[in-house]
Amino acid sequence: MTSTFLPYADKQPGPGVDLPPPSAGASRGRARRRALHWLTAVGFQVPALLLFLVLVLLPILFALYAAFFRWGGFGMPSDYIGTDNFTRLFQDPVFLGAMWRCLVLVVLSLAVQLPFALAMAVLLNQKVRGRAVYRMLFFAPYVLSEAITGVLFSMIFAPCDGLADQLLGSVGLEGLGGEWFADPSMVMATLFLVMTWKYFGFHMMLYLAGLQAVPRELTEAALIDGAGPWQRFRSVTLPLLAPTLRISVFLSVIGAIQLFDLVWVTTAGGPDHHSETMAVTMFQYGFKRYQVGYASAISVVMFGISLVFALAYQRFVLRRDLEGATTTMRGDGK
């Protein structure tokens, strides 16, 4: 009769045998590993937190502090005036006009720019000849800086000698041209045209990424069931694209609220404040008129609007997308 030899069989505890408690050395080893994990995490986070504190949090707090003073930007604020800057702000027709124009840009972006970007994304998601070239061409404007874009369109829409007026004149439509950026009745429409050219490619690429994540099996099943192109888009593609659409809307709204450099380079807020946004108004008062306290109040209001919108949007719109997106750090030493 042969017996099977099991290594360390005599050292294995039998059923019902209690294991001895871990030694103090093993407990200290786990505690050291846990402390090392936390120190590593803190070491990676401290530089980013310091940059955030110095470049973001402290400027915000100082702007809030300066908003309660009449201050020209030199020395430290000393002429405390309480909430007078905020009271003046909501009675200032220039700022109220800038706020209204930001709202108009938000509505136009949601109603025109994003649907146009979505339509182009759906088209370029098909098997179109040369679609890679079209994607590159449509995305290229977003790569350009706002300053270069502003200078470019300042030349295109220059009165009489600009490319836009010359093209209209060559087809007998010179009456449609004019002072694109100098006419109060045309400046916002022209500015929105430039914005659409600059930014729609970014949203188009977002939608293309979302469309390529839609399972082809679902659209094929809808096709077999007899659904037409519009029915497949409305019932299959659009619901699966909803998370991407929500992110796109959020970025578009925040961008319209904070729009500055493109407006500053093309019109500097003119003519007669007819193209000013809140950011341009803040710059005008802060760096042109040296009313930094009042400009700080404008910046605080802009920050408050953006913060309230971001929190509300996250709470009521992005809630489903953010569920389960958090991670936890385990400190069990494994």
C-alpha atoms as a PDB file:
ATOM      1  CA  MET A   1       0.000   0.000   0.000  1.00  0.00           C
ATOM      2  CA  THR A   2       1.536   3.259  -1.136  1.00  0.00           C
ATOM      3  CA  SER A   3       1.072   6.553   0.638  1.00  0.00           C
ATOM      4  CA  THR A   4       1.050   9.919  -1.035  1.00  0.00           C
ATOM      5  CA  PHE A   5       3.539  12.345   0.439  1.00  0.00           C
ATOM      6  CA  LEU A   6       2.134  15.886   0.860  1.00  0.00           C
ATOM      7  CA  PRO A   7       4.714  18.558   1.670  1.00  0.00           C
ATOM      8  CA  TYR A   8       4.004  20.396   4.888  1.00  0.00           C
ATOM      9  CA  ALA A   9       0.900  18.262   5.427  1.00  0.00           C
ATOM     10  CA  ASP A  10       1.779  17.938   9.088  1.00  0.00           C
ATOM     11  CA  LYS A  11       1.814  21.731   9.408  1.00  0.00           C
ATOM     12  CA  GLN A  12      -1.649  22.390   7.949  1.00  0.00           C
ATOM     13  CA  PRO A  13      -4.288  23.094  10.614  1.00  0.00           C
ATOM     14  CA  GLY A  14      -7.074  20.607  10.764  1.00  0.00           C
ATOM     15  CA  PRO A  15     -10.759  21.403  10.795  1.00  0.00           C
ATOM     16  CA  GLY A  16     -11.898  23.278  13.833  1.00  0.00           C
ATOM     17  CA  VAL A  17      -8.381  24.409  14.722  1.00  0.00           C
ATOM     18  CA  ASP A  18      -8.041  28.158  15.397  1.00  0.00           C
ATOM     19  CA  LEU A  19      -5.182  29.951  13.714  1.00  0.00           C
ATOM     20  CA  PRO A  20      -2.875  31.931  15.966  1.00  0.00           C
ATOM     21  CA  PRO A  21      -3.276  35.703  15.880  1.00  0.00           C
ATOM     22  CA  PRO A  22      -0.941  37.594  13.547  1.00  0.00           C
ATOM     23  CA  SER A  23       2.327  38.585  15.086  1.00  0.00           C
ATOM     24  CA  ALA A  24       3.127  42.162  16.019  1.00  0.00           C
ATOM     25  CA  GLY A  25       5.762  42.272  13.281  1.00  0.00           C
ATOM     26  CA  ALA A  26       3.210  41.389  10.567  1.00  0.00           C
ATOM     27  CA  SER A  27       0.814  44.062  11.852  1.00  0.00           C
ATOM     28  CA  ARG A  28       3.576  46.652  11.800  1.00  0.00           C
ATOM     29  CA  GLY A  29       4.491  45.623   8.243  1.00  0.00           C
ATOM     30  CA  ARG A  30       0.919  46.131   7.043  1.00  0.00           C
ATOM     31  CA  ALA A  31       0.755  49.471   8.814  1.00  0.00           C
ATOM     32  CA  ARG A  32       3.993  50.567   7.141  1.00  0.00           C
ATOM     33  CA  ARG A  33       2.698  49.532   3.703  1.00  0.00           C
ATOM     34  CA  ARG A  34      -0.567  51.379   4.311  1.00  0.00           C
ATOM     35  CA  ALA A  35       1.314  54.509   5.410  1.00  0.00           C
ATOM     36  CA  LEU A  36       3.565  54.228   2.353  1.00  0.00           C
ATOM     37  CA  HIS A  37       0.518  54.074   0.069  1.00  0.00           C
ATOM     38  CA  TRP A  38      -0.950  57.199   1.624  1.00  0.00           C
ATOM     39  CA  LEU A  39       2.361  59.068   1.502  1.00  0.00           C
ATOM     40  CA  THR A  40       2.714  58.169  -2.176  1.00  0.00           C
ATOM     41  CA  ALA A  41      -0.788  59.434  -2.916  1.00  0.00           C
ATOM     42  CA  VAL A  42      -0.194  62.644  -0.988  1.00  0.00           C
ATOM     43  CA  GLY A  43       3.164  63.152  -2.692  1.00  0.00           C
ATOM     44  CA  PHE A  44       1.527  63.032  -6.123  1.00  0.00           C
ATOM     45  CA  GLN A  45      -1.350  65.300  -5.103  1.00  0.00           C
ATOM     46  CA  VAL A  46       0.540  68.046  -3.262  1.00  0.00           C
ATOM     47  CA  PRO A  47       2.107  69.695  -6.368  1.00  0.00           C
ATOM     48  CA  ALA A  48      -1.247  69.825  -8.161  1.00  0.00           C
ATOM     49  CA  LEU A  49      -2.989  71.135  -5.038  1.00  0.00           C
ATOM     50  CA  LEU A  50      -0.350  73.848  -4.603  1.00  0.00           C
ATOM     51  CA  LEU A  51      -0.762  74.957  -8.223  1.00  0.00           C
ATOM     52  CA  PHE A  52      -4.540  74.966  -7.805  1.00  0.00           C
ATOM     53  CA  LEU A  53      -4.231  76.993  -4.612  1.00  0.00           C
ATOM     54  CA  VAL A  54      -1.832  79.584  -6.077  1.00  0.00           C
ATOM     55  CA  LEU A  55      -3.258  79.910  -9.600  1.00  0.00           C
ATOM     56  CA  VAL A  56      -6.989  79.340  -9.014  1.00  0.00           C
ATOM     57  CA  LEU A  57      -8.226  79.526  -5.447  1.00  0.00           C
ATOM     58  CA  LEU A  58      -6.202  82.511  -4.220  1.00  0.00           C
ATOM     59  CA  PRO A  59      -7.041  84.706  -7.277  1.00  0.00           C
ATOM     60  CA  ILE A  60     -10.738  83.895  -6.814  1.00  0.00           C
ATOM     61  CA  LEU A  61     -10.632  84.829  -3.141  1.00  0.00           C
ATOM     62  CA  PHE A  62      -8.677  88.012  -3.842  1.00  0.00           C
ATOM     63  CA  ALA A  63     -11.144  89.028  -6.593  1.00  0.00           C
ATOM     64  CA  LEU A  64     -13.985  88.542  -4.120  1.00  0.00           C
ATOM     65  CA  TYR A  65     -12.097  90.671  -1.585  1.00  0.00           C
ATOM     66  CA  ALA A  66     -11.284  93.438  -4.092  1.00  0.00           C
ATOM     67  CA  ALA A  67     -14.908  93.584  -5.253  1.00  0.00           C
ATOM     68  CA  PHE A  68     -15.805  95.364  -2.009  1.00  0.00           C
ATOM     69  CA  PHE A  69     -13.344  98.225  -2.582  1.00  0.00           C
ATOM     70  CA  ARG A  70     -12.951 101.190  -4.883  1.00  0.00           C
ATOM     71  CA  TRP A  71      -9.549 100.218  -6.197  1.00  0.00           C
ATOM     72  CA  GLY A  72      -7.491 101.256  -9.202  1.00  0.00           C
ATOM     73  CA  GLY A  73      -5.179  98.270  -9.178  1.00  0.00           C
ATOM     74  CA  PHE A  74      -2.149  99.896  -7.517  1.00  0.00           C
ATOM     75  CA  GLY A  75      -1.140  99.020  -3.991  1.00  0.00           C
ATOM     76  CA  MET A  76      -3.538  97.151  -1.756  1.00  0.00           C
ATOM     77  CA  PRO A  77      -7.286  97.892  -1.689  1.00  0.00           C
ATOM     78  CA  SER A  78      -8.093 100.348   1.085  1.00  0.00           C
ATOM     79  CA  ASP A  79     -11.215 102.326   0.083  1.00  0.00           C
ATOM     80  CA  TYR A  80     -13.928  99.987   1.349  1.00  0.00           C
ATOM     81  CA  ILE A  81     -17.348 100.668  -0.224  1.00  0.00           C
ATOM     82  CA  GLY A  82     -19.252  97.496   0.718  1.00  0.00           C
ATOM     83  CA  THR A  83     -21.614  96.196  -1.952  1.00  0.00           C
ATOM     84  CA  ASP A  84     -21.676  99.400  -3.997  1.00  0.00           C
ATOM     85  CA  ASN A  85     -19.840  97.741  -6.881  1.00  0.00           C
ATOM     86  CA  PHE A  86     -22.485  95.029  -7.108  1.00  0.00           C
ATOM     87  CA  THR A  87     -25.295  97.554  -6.853  1.00  0.00           C
ATOM     88  CA  ARG A  88     -23.742  99.592  -9.636  1.00  0.00           C
ATOM     89  CA  LEU A  89     -23.155  96.480 -11.716  1.00  0.00           C
ATOM     90  CA  PHE A  90     -26.824  95.543 -11.952  1.00  0.00           C
ATOM     91  CA  GLN A  91     -27.713  99.145 -12.817  1.00  0.00           C
ATOM     92  CA  ASP A  92     -25.036  99.453 -15.491  1.00  0.00           C
ATOM     93  CA  PRO A  93     -26.578  99.240 -19.004  1.00  0.00           C
ATOM     94  CA  VAL A  94     -23.194  98.228 -20.442  1.00  0.00           C
ATOM     95  CA  PHE A  95     -22.923  95.168 -18.196  1.00  0.00           C
ATOM     96  CA  LEU A  96     -26.596  94.268 -18.550  1.00  0.00           C
ATOM     97  CA  GLY A  97     -26.209  94.480 -22.323  1.00  0.00           C
ATOM     98  CA  ALA A  98     -23.143  92.240 -22.152  1.00  0.00           C
ATOM     99  CA  MET A  99     -25.056  89.716 -20.057  1.00  0.00           C
ATOM    100  CA  TRP A 100     -27.911  89.752 -22.577  1.00  0.00           C
ATOM    101  CA  ARG A 101     -25.506  89.180 -25.478  1.00  0.00           C
ATOM    102  CA  CYS A 102     -23.945  86.220 -23.651  1.00  0.00           C
ATOM    103  CA  LEU A 103     -27.421  84.740 -23.305  1.00  0.00           C
ATOM    104  CA  VAL A 104     -28.046  85.293 -27.025  1.00  0.00           C
ATOM    105  CA  LEU A 105     -24.775  83.528 -27.873  1.00  0.00           C
ATOM    106  CA  VAL A 106     -25.729  80.604 -25.633  1.00  0.00           C
ATOM    107  CA  VAL A 107     -29.123  80.227 -27.328  1.00  0.00           C
ATOM    108  CA  LEU A 108     -27.636  80.508 -30.820  1.00  0.00           C
ATOM    109  CA  SER A 109     -24.942  77.976 -29.976  1.00  0.00           C
ATOM    110  CA  LEU A 110     -27.497  75.447 -28.744  1.00  0.00           C
ATOM    111  CA  ALA A 111     -29.968  76.098 -31.564  1.00  0.00           C
ATOM    112  CA  VAL A 112     -27.599  76.452 -34.544  1.00  0.00           C
ATOM    113  CA  GLN A 113     -23.984  75.539 -33.867  1.00  0.00           C
ATOM    114  CA  LEU A 114     -24.482  72.203 -32.092  1.00  0.00           C
ATOM    115  CA  PRO A 115     -27.180  70.859 -34.470  1.00  0.00           C
ATOM    116  CA  PHE A 116     -24.954  71.796 -37.405  1.00  0.00           C
ATOM    117  CA  ALA A 117     -22.008  69.973 -35.798  1.00  0.00           C
ATOM    118  CA  LEU A 118     -24.213  66.932 -35.153  1.00  0.00           C
ATOM    119  CA  ALA A 119     -25.444  66.864 -38.750  1.00  0.00           C
ATOM    120  CA  MET A 120     -21.877  67.004 -40.080  1.00  0.00           C
ATOM    121  CA  ALA A 121     -20.813  64.261 -37.660  1.00  0.00           C
ATOM    122  CA  VAL A 122     -23.635  61.967 -38.798  1.00  0.00           C
ATOM    123  CA  LEU A 123     -22.738  62.646 -42.433  1.00  0.00           C
ATOM    124  CA  LEU A 124     -19.013  62.006 -41.942  1.00  0.00           C
ATOM    125  CA  ASN A 125     -19.759  58.847 -39.949  1.00  0.00           C
ATOM    126  CA  GLN A 126     -21.056  57.302 -43.172  1.00  0.00           C
ATOM    127  CA  LYS A 127     -18.905  55.753 -45.870  1.00  0.00           C
ATOM    128  CA  VAL A 128     -18.223  59.004 -47.691  1.00  0.00           C
ATOM    129  CA  ARG A 129     -15.300  59.215 -50.068  1.00  0.00           C
ATOM    130  CA  GLY A 130     -12.540  61.354 -48.594  1.00  0.00           C
ATOM    131  CA  ARG A 131     -14.207  61.635 -45.183  1.00  0.00           C
ATOM    132  CA  ALA A 132     -10.820  61.657 -43.411  1.00  0.00           C
ATOM    133  CA  VAL A 133      -9.894  64.788 -45.351  1.00  0.00           C
ATOM    134  CA  TYR A 134     -13.217  66.437 -44.492  1.00  0.00           C
ATOM    135  CA  ARG A 135     -12.775  65.620 -40.824  1.00  0.00           C
ATOM    136  CA  MET A 136      -9.326  67.186 -40.838  1.00  0.00           C
ATOM    137  CA  LEU A 137     -10.548  70.300 -42.659  1.00  0.00           C
ATOM    138  CA  PHE A 138     -13.501  70.821 -40.326  1.00  0.00           C
ATOM    139  CA  PHE A 139     -11.420  70.257 -37.193  1.00  0.00           C
ATOM    140  CA  ALA A 140      -8.506  72.441 -38.332  1.00  0.00           C
ATOM    141  CA  PRO A 141     -10.116  75.801 -37.314  1.00  0.00           C
ATOM    142  CA  TYR A 142     -10.309  74.634 -33.715  1.00  0.00           C
ATOM    143  CA  VAL A 143      -6.538  74.102 -33.676  1.00  0.00           C
ATOM    144  CA  LEU A 144      -5.933  77.748 -34.578  1.00  0.00           C
ATOM    145  CA  SER A 145      -5.670  80.152 -31.684  1.00  0.00           C
ATOM    146  CA  GLU A 146      -8.432  82.674 -31.106  1.00  0.00           C
ATOM    147  CA  ALA A 147      -6.013  85.524 -31.823  1.00  0.00           C
ATOM    148  CA  ILE A 148      -5.097  84.126 -35.244  1.00  0.00           C
ATOM    149  CA  THR A 149      -8.769  83.483 -36.007  1.00  0.00           C
ATOM    150  CA  GLY A 150      -9.679  87.042 -35.040  1.00  0.00           C
ATOM    151  CA  VAL A 151      -6.979  88.575 -37.214  1.00  0.00           C
ATOM    152  CA  LEU A 152      -7.918  86.321 -40.128  1.00  0.00           C
ATOM    153  CA  PHE A 153     -11.589  87.260 -40.065  1.00  0.00           C
ATOM    154  CA  SER A 154     -10.815  90.909 -39.473  1.00  0.00           C
ATOM    155  CA  MET A 155      -9.154  90.826 -42.885  1.00  0.00           C
ATOM    156  CA  ILE A 156     -11.882  88.694 -44.476  1.00  0.00           C
ATOM    157  CA  PHE A 157     -14.647  91.040 -43.306  1.00  0.00           C
ATOM    158  CA  ALA A 158     -12.743  94.267 -43.889  1.00  0.00           C
ATOM    159  CA  PRO A 159     -15.074  96.816 -45.566  1.00  0.00           C
ATOM    160  CA  CYS A 160     -14.793  97.000 -49.373  1.00  0.00           C
ATOM    161  CA  ASP A 161     -11.363  95.358 -49.613  1.00  0.00           C
ATOM    162  CA  GLY A 162     -12.143  92.206 -47.622  1.00  0.00           C
ATOM    163  CA  LEU A 163     -12.542  88.777 -49.183  1.00  0.00           C
ATOM    164  CA  ALA A 164     -16.212  88.571 -48.161  1.00  0.00           C
ATOM    165  CA  ASP A 165     -17.162  91.804 -49.973  1.00  0.00           C
ATOM    166  CA  GLN A 166     -15.113  90.848 -53.026  1.00  0.00           C
ATOM    167  CA  LEU A 167     -16.794  87.451 -53.302  1.00  0.00           C
ATOM    168  CA  LEU A 168     -20.244  89.014 -52.960  1.00  0.00           C
ATOM    169  CA  GLY A 169     -19.356  91.632 -55.557  1.00  0.00           C
ATOM    170  CA  SER A 170     -18.142  88.976 -58.011  1.00  0.00           C
ATOM    171  CA  VAL A 171     -21.603  87.357 -58.072  1.00  0.00           C
ATOM    172  CA  GLY A 172     -23.527  90.623 -58.155  1.00  0.00           C
ATOM    173  CA  LEU A 173     -24.501  90.653 -54.483  1.00  0.00           C
ATOM    174  CA  GLU A 174     -22.379  93.553 -53.346  1.00  0.00           C
ATOM    175  CA  GLY A 175     -25.447  95.054 -51.657  1.00  0.00           C
ATOM    176  CA  LEU A 176     -25.288  92.283 -49.030  1.00  0.00           C
ATOM    177  CA  GLY A 177     -21.806  93.316 -47.937  1.00  0.00           C
ATOM    178  CA  GLY A 178     -20.906  96.195 -45.728  1.00  0.00           C
ATOM    179  CA  GLU A 179     -19.255  97.012 -42.477  1.00  0.00           C
ATOM    180  CA  TRP A 180     -19.526  93.558 -40.964  1.00  0.00           C
ATOM    181  CA  PHE A 181     -17.887  94.341 -37.628  1.00  0.00           C
ATOM    182  CA  ALA A 182     -18.658  98.075 -37.635  1.00  0.00           C
ATOM    183  CA  ASP A 183     -22.423  97.942 -38.151  1.00  0.00           C
ATOM    184  CA  PRO A 184     -24.318  97.522 -34.829  1.00  0.00           C
ATOM    185  CA  SER A 185     -27.057  95.574 -36.617  1.00  0.00           C
ATOM    186  CA  MET A 186     -24.606  93.077 -38.160  1.00  0.00           C
ATOM    187  CA  VAL A 187     -21.786  92.717 -35.666  1.00  0.00           C
ATOM    188  CA  MET A 188     -23.314  89.978 -33.480  1.00  0.00           C
ATOM    189  CA  ALA A 189     -24.414  87.886 -36.458  1.00  0.00           C
ATOM    190  CA  THR A 190     -20.943  88.190 -37.976  1.00  0.00           C
ATOM    191  CA  LEU A 191     -19.321  87.358 -34.664  1.00  0.00           C
ATOM    192  CA  PHE A 192     -21.489  84.266 -34.264  1.00  0.00           C
ATOM    193  CA  LEU A 193     -20.543  83.163 -37.774  1.00  0.00           C
ATOM    194  CA  VAL A 194     -16.876  83.357 -36.793  1.00  0.00           C
ATOM    195  CA  MET A 195     -17.581  81.473 -33.554  1.00  0.00           C
ATOM    196  CA  THR A 196     -19.360  78.704 -35.445  1.00  0.00           C
ATOM    197  CA  TRP A 197     -16.483  78.373 -37.910  1.00  0.00           C
ATOM    198  CA  LYS A 198     -14.011  78.216 -35.026  1.00  0.00           C
ATOM    199  CA  TYR A 199     -15.722  75.827 -32.639  1.00  0.00           C
ATOM    200  CA  PHE A 200     -18.145  73.571 -34.503  1.00  0.00           C
ATOM    201  CA  GLY A 201     -15.319  71.214 -35.530  1.00  0.00           C
ATOM    202  CA  PHE A 202     -14.556  70.452 -31.884  1.00  0.00           C
ATOM    203  CA  HIS A 203     -18.154  69.442 -31.180  1.00  0.00           C
ATOM    204  CA  MET A 204     -18.276  67.516 -34.464  1.00  0.00           C
ATOM    205  CA  MET A 205     -15.320  65.396 -33.343  1.00  0.00           C
ATOM    206  CA  LEU A 206     -17.004  64.765 -29.987  1.00  0.00           C
ATOM    207  CA  TYR A 207     -20.114  63.537 -31.780  1.00  0.00           C
ATOM    208  CA  LEU A 208     -18.056  61.395 -34.165  1.00  0.00           C
ATOM    209  CA  ALA A 209     -16.408  59.691 -31.195  1.00  0.00           C
ATOM    210  CA  GLY A 210     -19.831  59.075 -29.671  1.00  0.00           C
ATOM    211  CA  LEU A 211     -21.278  57.769 -32.946  1.00  0.00           C
ATOM    212  CA  GLN A 212     -18.463  55.283 -33.379  1.00  0.00           C
ATOM    213  CA  ALA A 213     -19.264  53.863 -29.947  1.00  0.00           C
ATOM    214  CA  VAL A 214     -22.857  53.044 -30.988  1.00  0.00           C
ATOM    215  CA  PRO A 215     -23.080  49.253 -31.513  1.00  0.00           C
ATOM    216  CA  ARG A 216     -23.643  48.477 -35.175  1.00  0.00           C
ATOM    217  CA  GLU A 217     -25.786  45.466 -34.209  1.00  0.00           C
ATOM    218  CA  LEU A 218     -28.502  47.759 -32.860  1.00  0.00           C
ATOM    219  CA  THR A 219     -28.790  49.822 -36.035  1.00  0.00           C
ATOM    220  CA  GLU A 220     -28.760  46.649 -38.148  1.00  0.00           C
ATOM    221  CA  ALA A 221     -31.521  45.153 -36.007  1.00  0.00           C
ATOM    222  CA  ALA A 222     -33.586  48.342 -36.424  1.00  0.00           C
ATOM    223  CA  LEU A 223     -32.980  48.172 -40.191  1.00  0.00           C
ATOM    224  CA  ILE A 224     -34.197  44.567 -40.277  1.00  0.00           C
ATOM    225  CA  ASP A 225     -37.314  45.623 -38.369  1.00  0.00           C
ATOM    226  CA  GLY A 226     -38.071  48.090 -41.144  1.00  0.00           C
ATOM    227  CA  ALA A 227     -37.013  51.343 -39.433  1.00  0.00           C
ATOM    228  CA  GLY A 228     -36.105  54.169 -41.789  1.00  0.00           C
ATOM    229  CA  PRO A 229     -33.006  56.385 -41.460  1.00  0.00           C
ATOM    230  CA  TRP A 230     -34.772  58.997 -39.330  1.00  0.00           C
ATOM    231  CA  GLN A 231     -36.370  56.358 -37.104  1.00  0.00           C
ATOM    232  CA  ARG A 232     -33.006  54.631 -36.577  1.00  0.00           C
ATOM    233  CA  PHE A 233     -31.379  57.939 -35.701  1.00  0.00           C
ATOM    234  CA  ARG A 234     -34.146  59.049 -33.357  1.00  0.00           C
ATOM    235  CA  SER A 235     -34.749  55.723 -31.583  1.00  0.00           C
ATOM    236  CA  VAL A 236     -31.297  54.128 -31.563  1.00  0.00           C
ATOM    237  CA  THR A 237     -28.476  56.565 -32.290  1.00  0.00           C
ATOM    238  CA  LEU A 238     -29.689  59.673 -30.462  1.00  0.00           C
ATOM    239  CA  PRO A 239     -30.414  57.978 -27.086  1.00  0.00           C
ATOM    240  CA  LEU A 240     -26.989  56.294 -27.116  1.00  0.00           C
ATOM    241  CA  LEU A 241     -25.371  59.605 -28.067  1.00  0.00           C
ATOM    242  CA  ALA A 242     -27.091  61.453 -25.206  1.00  0.00           C
ATOM    243  CA  PRO A 243     -24.076  61.429 -22.784  1.00  0.00           C
ATOM    244  CA  THR A 244     -21.879  63.012 -25.468  1.00  0.00           C
ATOM    245  CA  LEU A 245     -24.573  65.578 -26.266  1.00  0.00           C
ATOM    246  CA  ARG A 246     -24.846  66.556 -22.614  1.00  0.00           C
ATOM    247  CA  ILE A 247     -21.093  67.135 -22.326  1.00  0.00           C
ATOM    248  CA  SER A 248     -21.122  69.134 -25.569  1.00  0.00           C
ATOM    249  CA  VAL A 249     -23.949  71.369 -24.337  1.00  0.00           C
ATOM    250  CA  PHE A 250     -22.130  71.993 -21.061  1.00  0.00           C
ATOM    251  CA  LEU A 251     -18.898  73.016 -22.794  1.00  0.00           C
ATOM    252  CA  SER A 252     -20.772  75.222 -25.262  1.00  0.00           C
ATOM    253  CA  VAL A 253     -22.657  77.124 -22.557  1.00  0.00           C
ATOM    254  CA  ILE A 254     -19.592  77.680 -20.372  1.00  0.00           C
ATOM    255  CA  GLY A 255     -17.582  78.777 -23.403  1.00  0.00           C
ATOM    256  CA  ALA A 256     -20.217  81.319 -24.438  1.00  0.00           C
ATOM    257  CA  ILE A 257     -20.393  82.759 -20.913  1.00  0.00           C
ATOM    258  CA  GLN A 258     -16.609  83.204 -20.745  1.00  0.00           C
ATOM    259  CA  LEU A 259     -16.008  84.267 -24.364  1.00  0.00           C
ATOM    260  CA  PHE A 260     -13.307  86.926 -24.542  1.00  0.00           C
ATOM    261  CA  ASP A 261     -10.296  86.640 -26.828  1.00  0.00           C
ATOM    262  CA  LEU A 262     -12.114  86.123 -30.120  1.00  0.00           C
ATOM    263  CA  VAL A 263     -14.306  89.169 -29.451  1.00  0.00           C
ATOM    264  CA  TRP A 264     -11.397  91.287 -28.252  1.00  0.00           C
ATOM    265  CA  VAL A 265      -9.276  90.658 -31.330  1.00  0.00           C
ATOM    266  CA  THR A 266     -12.089  91.213 -33.859  1.00  0.00           C
ATOM    267  CA  THR A 267     -14.144  94.066 -32.398  1.00  0.00           C
ATOM    268  CA  ALA A 268     -12.796  94.927 -28.906  1.00  0.00           C
ATOM    269  CA  GLY A 269     -16.460  95.095 -27.898  1.00  0.00           C
ATOM    270  CA  GLY A 270     -17.436  97.733 -30.469  1.00  0.00           C
ATOM    271  CA  PRO A 271     -19.073  99.465 -32.074  1.00  0.00           C
ATOM    272  CA  ASP A 272     -20.396 101.337 -29.046  1.00  0.00           C
ATOM    273  CA  HIS A 273     -20.470  98.201 -26.809  1.00  0.00           C
ATOM    274  CA  HIS A 274     -22.689  96.295 -29.287  1.00  0.00           C
ATOM    275  CA  SER A 275     -20.479  93.194 -29.254  1.00  0.00           C
ATOM    276  CA  GLU A 276     -19.241  93.228 -25.676  1.00  0.00           C
ATOM    277  CA  THR A 277     -19.474  90.087 -23.615  1.00  0.00           C
ATOM    278  CA  MET A 278     -19.146  90.021 -19.836  1.00  0.00           C
ATOM    279  CA  ALA A 279     -15.466  89.106 -20.073  1.00  0.00           C
ATOM    280  CA  VAL A 280     -14.777  91.985 -22.464  1.00  0.00           C
ATOM    281  CA  THR A 281     -16.625  94.411 -20.180  1.00  0.00           C
ATOM    282  CA  MET A 282     -14.563  93.187 -17.234  1.00  0.00           C
ATOM    283  CA  PHE A 283     -11.337  93.732 -19.194  1.00  0.00           C
ATOM    284  CA  GLN A 284     -12.406  97.195 -20.316  1.00  0.00           C
ATOM    285  CA  TYR A 285     -13.113  98.377 -16.782  1.00  0.00           C
ATOM    286  CA  GLY A 286     -10.132  96.636 -15.203  1.00  0.00           C
ATOM    287  CA  PHE A 287      -7.306  97.300 -17.664  1.00  0.00           C
ATOM    288  CA  LYS A 288      -8.511 100.280 -19.686  1.00  0.00           C
ATOM    289  CA  ARG A 289     -10.291 102.391 -17.091  1.00  0.00           C
ATOM    290  CA  TYR A 290      -8.386 101.118 -14.034  1.00  0.00           C
ATOM    291  CA  GLN A 291     -11.564 100.386 -12.090  1.00  0.00           C
ATOM    292  CA  VAL A 292     -10.245  97.075 -10.833  1.00  0.00           C
ATOM    293  CA  GLY A 293     -12.657  96.857  -7.905  1.00  0.00           C
ATOM    294  CA  TYR A 294     -15.628  97.143 -10.227  1.00  0.00           C
ATOM    295  CA  ALA A 295     -14.035  94.686 -12.693  1.00  0.00           C
ATOM    296  CA  SER A 296     -13.535  92.272  -9.785  1.00  0.00           C
ATOM    297  CA  ALA A 297     -17.248  92.475  -9.041  1.00  0.00           C
ATOM    298  CA  ILE A 298     -17.960  91.563 -12.682  1.00  0.00           C
ATOM    299  CA  SER A 299     -15.569  88.616 -12.434  1.00  0.00           C
ATOM    300  CA  VAL A 300     -17.278  87.422  -9.250  1.00  0.00           C
ATOM    301  CA  VAL A 301     -20.678  87.546 -10.955  1.00  0.00           C
ATOM    302  CA  MET A 302     -19.299  85.642 -13.968  1.00  0.00           C
ATOM    303  CA  PHE A 303     -17.806  83.032 -11.669  1.00  0.00           C
ATOM    304  CA  GLY A 304     -21.081  82.764  -9.744  1.00  0.00           C
ATOM    305  CA  ILE A 305     -23.124  82.273 -12.926  1.00  0.00           C
ATOM    306  CA  SER A 306     -20.722  79.616 -14.208  1.00  0.00           C
ATOM    307  CA  LEU A 307     -20.607  77.843 -10.838  1.00  0.00           C
ATOM    308  CA  VAL A 308     -24.377  77.791 -10.363  1.00  0.00           C
ATOM    309  CA  PHE A 309     -24.904  76.524 -13.902  1.00  0.00           C
ATOM    310  CA  ALA A 310     -22.206  73.853 -13.517  1.00  0.00           C
ATOM    311  CA  LEU A 311     -23.593  72.580 -10.208  1.00  0.00           C
ATOM    312  CA  ALA A 312     -27.200  72.593 -11.432  1.00  0.00           C
ATOM    313  CA  TYR A 313     -26.231  70.916 -14.701  1.00  0.00           C
ATOM    314  CA  GLN A 314     -24.277  68.247 -12.868  1.00  0.00           C
ATOM    315  CA  ARG A 315     -27.113  67.692 -10.390  1.00  0.00           C
ATOM    316  CA  PHE A 316     -30.014  67.496 -12.820  1.00  0.00           C
ATOM    317  CA  VAL A 317     -28.523  66.631 -16.227  1.00  0.00           C
ATOM    318  CA  LEU A 318     -25.250  64.749 -15.710  1.00  0.00           C
ATOM    319  CA  ARG A 319     -26.461  62.816 -12.705  1.00  0.00           C
ATOM    320  CA  ARG A 320     -26.945  59.528 -14.562  1.00  0.00           C
ATOM    321  CA  ASP A 321     -23.607  59.844 -16.342  1.00  0.00           C
ATOM    322  CA  LEU A 322     -21.754  60.413 -13.051  1.00  0.00           C
ATOM    323  CA  GLU A 323     -23.336  57.554 -11.103  1.00  0.00           C
ATOM    324  CA  GLY A 324     -20.739  54.924 -10.336  1.00  0.00           C
ATOM    325  CA  ALA A 325     -17.931  57.072 -11.720  1.00  0.00           C
ATOM    326  CA  THR A 326     -16.192  57.549  -8.364  1.00  0.00           C
ATOM    327  CA  THR A 327     -13.339  55.392  -7.175  1.00  0.00           C
ATOM    328  CA  THR A 328     -12.077  54.583  -3.720  1.00  0.00           C
ATOM    329  CA  MET A 329      -8.599  53.875  -2.415  1.00  0.00           C
ATOM    330  CA  ARG A 330      -8.166  50.652  -0.514  1.00  0.00           C
ATOM    331  CA  GLY A 331      -5.846  50.777   2.437  1.00  0.00           C
ATOM    332  CA  ASP A 332      -5.755  47.035   3.145  1.00  0.00           C
ATOM    333  CA  GLY A 333      -2.095  46.722   2.204  1.00  0.00           C
ATOM    334  CA  LYS A 334      -2.761  44.460  -0.806  1.00  0.00           C
END
